[in-house]
């Protein structure tokens, strides 16, 4: 009985979250990310690949917004409904992830060389 009640409350909570317009939250979230980037660039031990990768994440957001607007105007659908454009936008996230990964691999390799 208690488990069923918890499941119902959980699903009602999820439905309520789904009805909230998150546009403002999405727009405001750039502020803490910009602060993160500001302090990231102050850290000398973090290499340029890691810093560039995190900046490319902002490019991903920008490209996603532009492609979403295009998709709504041209296809009258959301970005998720147009697979090839959704994949195009997501490829920028993949690019930023690979650059960040490459930067951390270089960082770890430098730490191993310095410790030997």
C-alpha atoms as a PDB file:
ATOM      1  CA  UNK A   1       0.000   0.000   0.000  1.00  0.00           C
ATOM      2  CA  UNK A   2       2.729   2.488   0.962  1.00  0.00           C
ATOM      3  CA  UNK A   3       4.813   1.657  -2.094  1.00  0.00           C
ATOM      4  CA  UNK A   4       1.833   2.243  -4.380  1.00  0.00           C
ATOM      5  CA  UNK A   5       1.157   5.609  -2.757  1.00  0.00           C
ATOM      6  CA  UNK A   6       4.799   6.616  -3.193  1.00  0.00           C
ATOM      7  CA  UNK A   7       4.686   5.607  -6.881  1.00  0.00           C
ATOM      8  CA  UNK A   8       1.545   7.683  -7.431  1.00  0.00           C
ATOM      9  CA  UNK A   9       3.087  10.694  -5.693  1.00  0.00           C
ATOM     10  CA  UNK A  10       6.249  10.283  -7.732  1.00  0.00           C
ATOM     11  CA  UNK A  11       4.355  10.144 -11.030  1.00  0.00           C
ATOM     12  CA  UNK A  12       2.236  13.156 -10.089  1.00  0.00           C
ATOM     13  CA  UNK A  13       5.423  15.035  -9.215  1.00  0.00           C
ATOM     14  CA  UNK A  14       6.990  14.108 -12.581  1.00  0.00           C
ATOM     15  CA  UNK A  15       3.828  15.201 -14.424  1.00  0.00           C
ATOM     16  CA  UNK A  16       3.900  18.516 -12.564  1.00  0.00           C
ATOM     17  CA  UNK A  17       7.548  19.046 -13.474  1.00  0.00           C
ATOM     18  CA  UNK A  18       6.732  18.328 -17.107  1.00  0.00           C
ATOM     19  CA  UNK A  19       4.118  21.060 -17.182  1.00  0.00           C
ATOM     20  CA  UNK A  20       6.518  23.785 -15.997  1.00  0.00           C
ATOM     21  CA  UNK A  21       8.029  26.028 -18.680  1.00  0.00           C
ATOM     22  CA  UNK A  22      11.781  25.660 -18.195  1.00  0.00           C
ATOM     23  CA  UNK A  23      12.866  28.336 -20.695  1.00  0.00           C
ATOM     24  CA  UNK A  24      13.853  30.802 -17.989  1.00  0.00           C
ATOM     25  CA  UNK A  25      15.776  28.161 -16.054  1.00  0.00           C
ATOM     26  CA  UNK A  26      17.613  27.191 -19.245  1.00  0.00           C
ATOM     27  CA  UNK A  27      18.539  30.815 -19.968  1.00  0.00           C
ATOM     28  CA  UNK A  28      19.671  31.557 -16.412  1.00  0.00           C
ATOM     29  CA  UNK A  29      21.803  28.412 -16.243  1.00  0.00           C
ATOM     30  CA  UNK A  30      24.421  30.097 -18.440  1.00  0.00           C
ATOM     31  CA  UNK A  31      25.407  32.318 -15.489  1.00  0.00           C
ATOM     32  CA  UNK A  32      26.882  29.587 -13.237  1.00  0.00           C
ATOM     33  CA  UNK A  33      28.480  27.985 -16.291  1.00  0.00           C
ATOM     34  CA  UNK A  34      30.129  31.299 -17.232  1.00  0.00           C
ATOM     35  CA  UNK A  35      31.431  31.601 -13.661  1.00  0.00           C
ATOM     36  CA  UNK A  36      32.768  28.035 -13.936  1.00  0.00           C
ATOM     37  CA  UNK A  37      34.572  28.925 -17.195  1.00  0.00           C
ATOM     38  CA  UNK A  38      35.975  32.112 -15.679  1.00  0.00           C
ATOM     39  CA  UNK A  39      37.575  30.231 -12.787  1.00  0.00           C
ATOM     40  CA  UNK A  40      38.613  27.325 -15.002  1.00  0.00           C
ATOM     41  CA  UNK A  41      40.707  29.695 -17.109  1.00  0.00           C
ATOM     42  CA  UNK A  42      42.446  30.976 -13.970  1.00  0.00           C
ATOM     43  CA  UNK A  43      43.781  27.495 -13.176  1.00  0.00           C
ATOM     44  CA  UNK A  44      47.221  27.242 -14.781  1.00  0.00           C
ATOM     45  CA  UNK A  45      47.552  23.479 -14.356  1.00  0.00           C
ATOM     46  CA  UNK A  46      44.522  22.753 -16.585  1.00  0.00           C
ATOM     47  CA  UNK A  47      45.588  22.536 -20.223  1.00  0.00           C
ATOM     48  CA  UNK A  48      44.060  24.437 -23.125  1.00  0.00           C
ATOM     49  CA  UNK A  49      42.243  21.343 -24.479  1.00  0.00           C
ATOM     50  CA  UNK A  50      40.151  20.978 -21.323  1.00  0.00           C
ATOM     51  CA  UNK A  51      39.371  24.698 -21.321  1.00  0.00           C
ATOM     52  CA  UNK A  52      38.500  24.690 -25.026  1.00  0.00           C
ATOM     53  CA  UNK A  53      36.323  21.610 -24.621  1.00  0.00           C
ATOM     54  CA  UNK A  54      34.234  23.236 -21.921  1.00  0.00           C
ATOM     55  CA  UNK A  55      33.904  26.354 -24.086  1.00  0.00           C
ATOM     56  CA  UNK A  56      32.753  24.175 -26.988  1.00  0.00           C
ATOM     57  CA  UNK A  57      29.878  23.095 -24.768  1.00  0.00           C
ATOM     58  CA  UNK A  58      28.613  26.683 -24.982  1.00  0.00           C
ATOM     59  CA  UNK A  59      28.904  26.404 -28.769  1.00  0.00           C
ATOM     60  CA  UNK A  60      26.806  23.223 -28.578  1.00  0.00           C
ATOM     61  CA  UNK A  61      24.087  25.107 -26.688  1.00  0.00           C
ATOM     62  CA  UNK A  62      24.181  27.967 -29.199  1.00  0.00           C
ATOM     63  CA  UNK A  63      24.026  25.609 -32.210  1.00  0.00           C
ATOM     64  CA  UNK A  64      21.200  23.643 -30.572  1.00  0.00           C
ATOM     65  CA  UNK A  65      19.166  26.823 -30.059  1.00  0.00           C
ATOM     66  CA  UNK A  66      19.704  27.921 -33.667  1.00  0.00           C
ATOM     67  CA  UNK A  67      18.858  24.507 -35.093  1.00  0.00           C
ATOM     68  CA  UNK A  68      15.782  24.278 -32.838  1.00  0.00           C
ATOM     69  CA  UNK A  69      14.497  27.605 -34.133  1.00  0.00           C
ATOM     70  CA  UNK A  70      15.155  26.523 -37.721  1.00  0.00           C
ATOM     71  CA  UNK A  71      13.399  23.189 -37.136  1.00  0.00           C
ATOM     72  CA  UNK A  72      10.320  24.876 -35.664  1.00  0.00           C
ATOM     73  CA  UNK A  73      10.101  27.381 -38.519  1.00  0.00           C
ATOM     74  CA  UNK A  74      10.963  25.107 -41.450  1.00  0.00           C
ATOM     75  CA  UNK A  75       9.492  21.741 -40.397  1.00  0.00           C
ATOM     76  CA  UNK A  76       6.961  22.918 -37.779  1.00  0.00           C
ATOM     77  CA  UNK A  77       8.371  20.252 -35.443  1.00  0.00           C
ATOM     78  CA  UNK A  78      10.636  20.194 -32.432  1.00  0.00           C
ATOM     79  CA  UNK A  79      14.305  19.392 -32.835  1.00  0.00           C
ATOM     80  CA  UNK A  80      13.855  15.947 -31.288  1.00  0.00           C
ATOM     81  CA  UNK A  81      11.394  15.047 -34.065  1.00  0.00           C
ATOM     82  CA  UNK A  82      13.850  15.769 -36.910  1.00  0.00           C
ATOM     83  CA  UNK A  83      16.550  13.141 -36.513  1.00  0.00           C
ATOM     84  CA  UNK A  84      19.242  14.397 -38.885  1.00  0.00           C
ATOM     85  CA  UNK A  85      19.164  17.921 -37.429  1.00  0.00           C
ATOM     86  CA  UNK A  86      19.059  16.560 -33.886  1.00  0.00           C
ATOM     87  CA  UNK A  87      22.106  14.432 -34.683  1.00  0.00           C
ATOM     88  CA  UNK A  88      23.850  17.440 -36.236  1.00  0.00           C
ATOM     89  CA  UNK A  89      23.289  19.512 -33.093  1.00  0.00           C
ATOM     90  CA  UNK A  90      24.338  16.662 -30.790  1.00  0.00           C
ATOM     91  CA  UNK A  91      27.553  16.186 -32.762  1.00  0.00           C
ATOM     92  CA  UNK A  92      28.813  19.443 -31.262  1.00  0.00           C
ATOM     93  CA  UNK A  93      28.348  18.000 -27.787  1.00  0.00           C
ATOM     94  CA  UNK A  94      30.269  14.900 -28.863  1.00  0.00           C
ATOM     95  CA  UNK A  95      33.051  17.118 -30.215  1.00  0.00           C
ATOM     96  CA  UNK A  96      33.307  19.053 -26.955  1.00  0.00           C
ATOM     97  CA  UNK A  97      33.308  15.808 -24.953  1.00  0.00           C
ATOM     98  CA  UNK A  98      36.177  14.397 -27.036  1.00  0.00           C
ATOM     99  CA  UNK A  99      38.219  17.590 -26.651  1.00  0.00           C
ATOM    100  CA  UNK A 100      37.677  17.527 -22.874  1.00  0.00           C
ATOM    101  CA  UNK A 101      38.601  13.835 -22.745  1.00  0.00           C
ATOM    102  CA  UNK A 102      41.731  14.436 -24.832  1.00  0.00           C
ATOM    103  CA  UNK A 103      42.715  17.275 -22.509  1.00  0.00           C
ATOM    104  CA  UNK A 104      42.317  15.158 -19.387  1.00  0.00           C
ATOM    105  CA  UNK A 105      44.253  12.288 -20.965  1.00  0.00           C
ATOM    106  CA  UNK A 106      47.115  14.700 -21.730  1.00  0.00           C
ATOM    107  CA  UNK A 107      46.865  16.074 -18.201  1.00  0.00           C
ATOM    108  CA  UNK A 108      47.083  12.588 -16.685  1.00  0.00           C
ATOM    109  CA  UNK A 109      49.986  11.630 -18.974  1.00  0.00           C
ATOM    110  CA  UNK A 110      51.863  14.767 -17.894  1.00  0.00           C
ATOM    111  CA  UNK A 111      51.254  13.906 -14.242  1.00  0.00           C
ATOM    112  CA  UNK A 112      52.595  10.373 -14.789  1.00  0.00           C
ATOM    113  CA  UNK A 113      55.724  11.702 -16.536  1.00  0.00           C
ATOM    114  CA  UNK A 114      56.359  14.233 -13.761  1.00  0.00           C
ATOM    115  CA  UNK A 115      55.933  11.583 -11.061  1.00  0.00           C
ATOM    116  CA  UNK A 116      58.416   9.125 -12.636  1.00  0.00           C
END
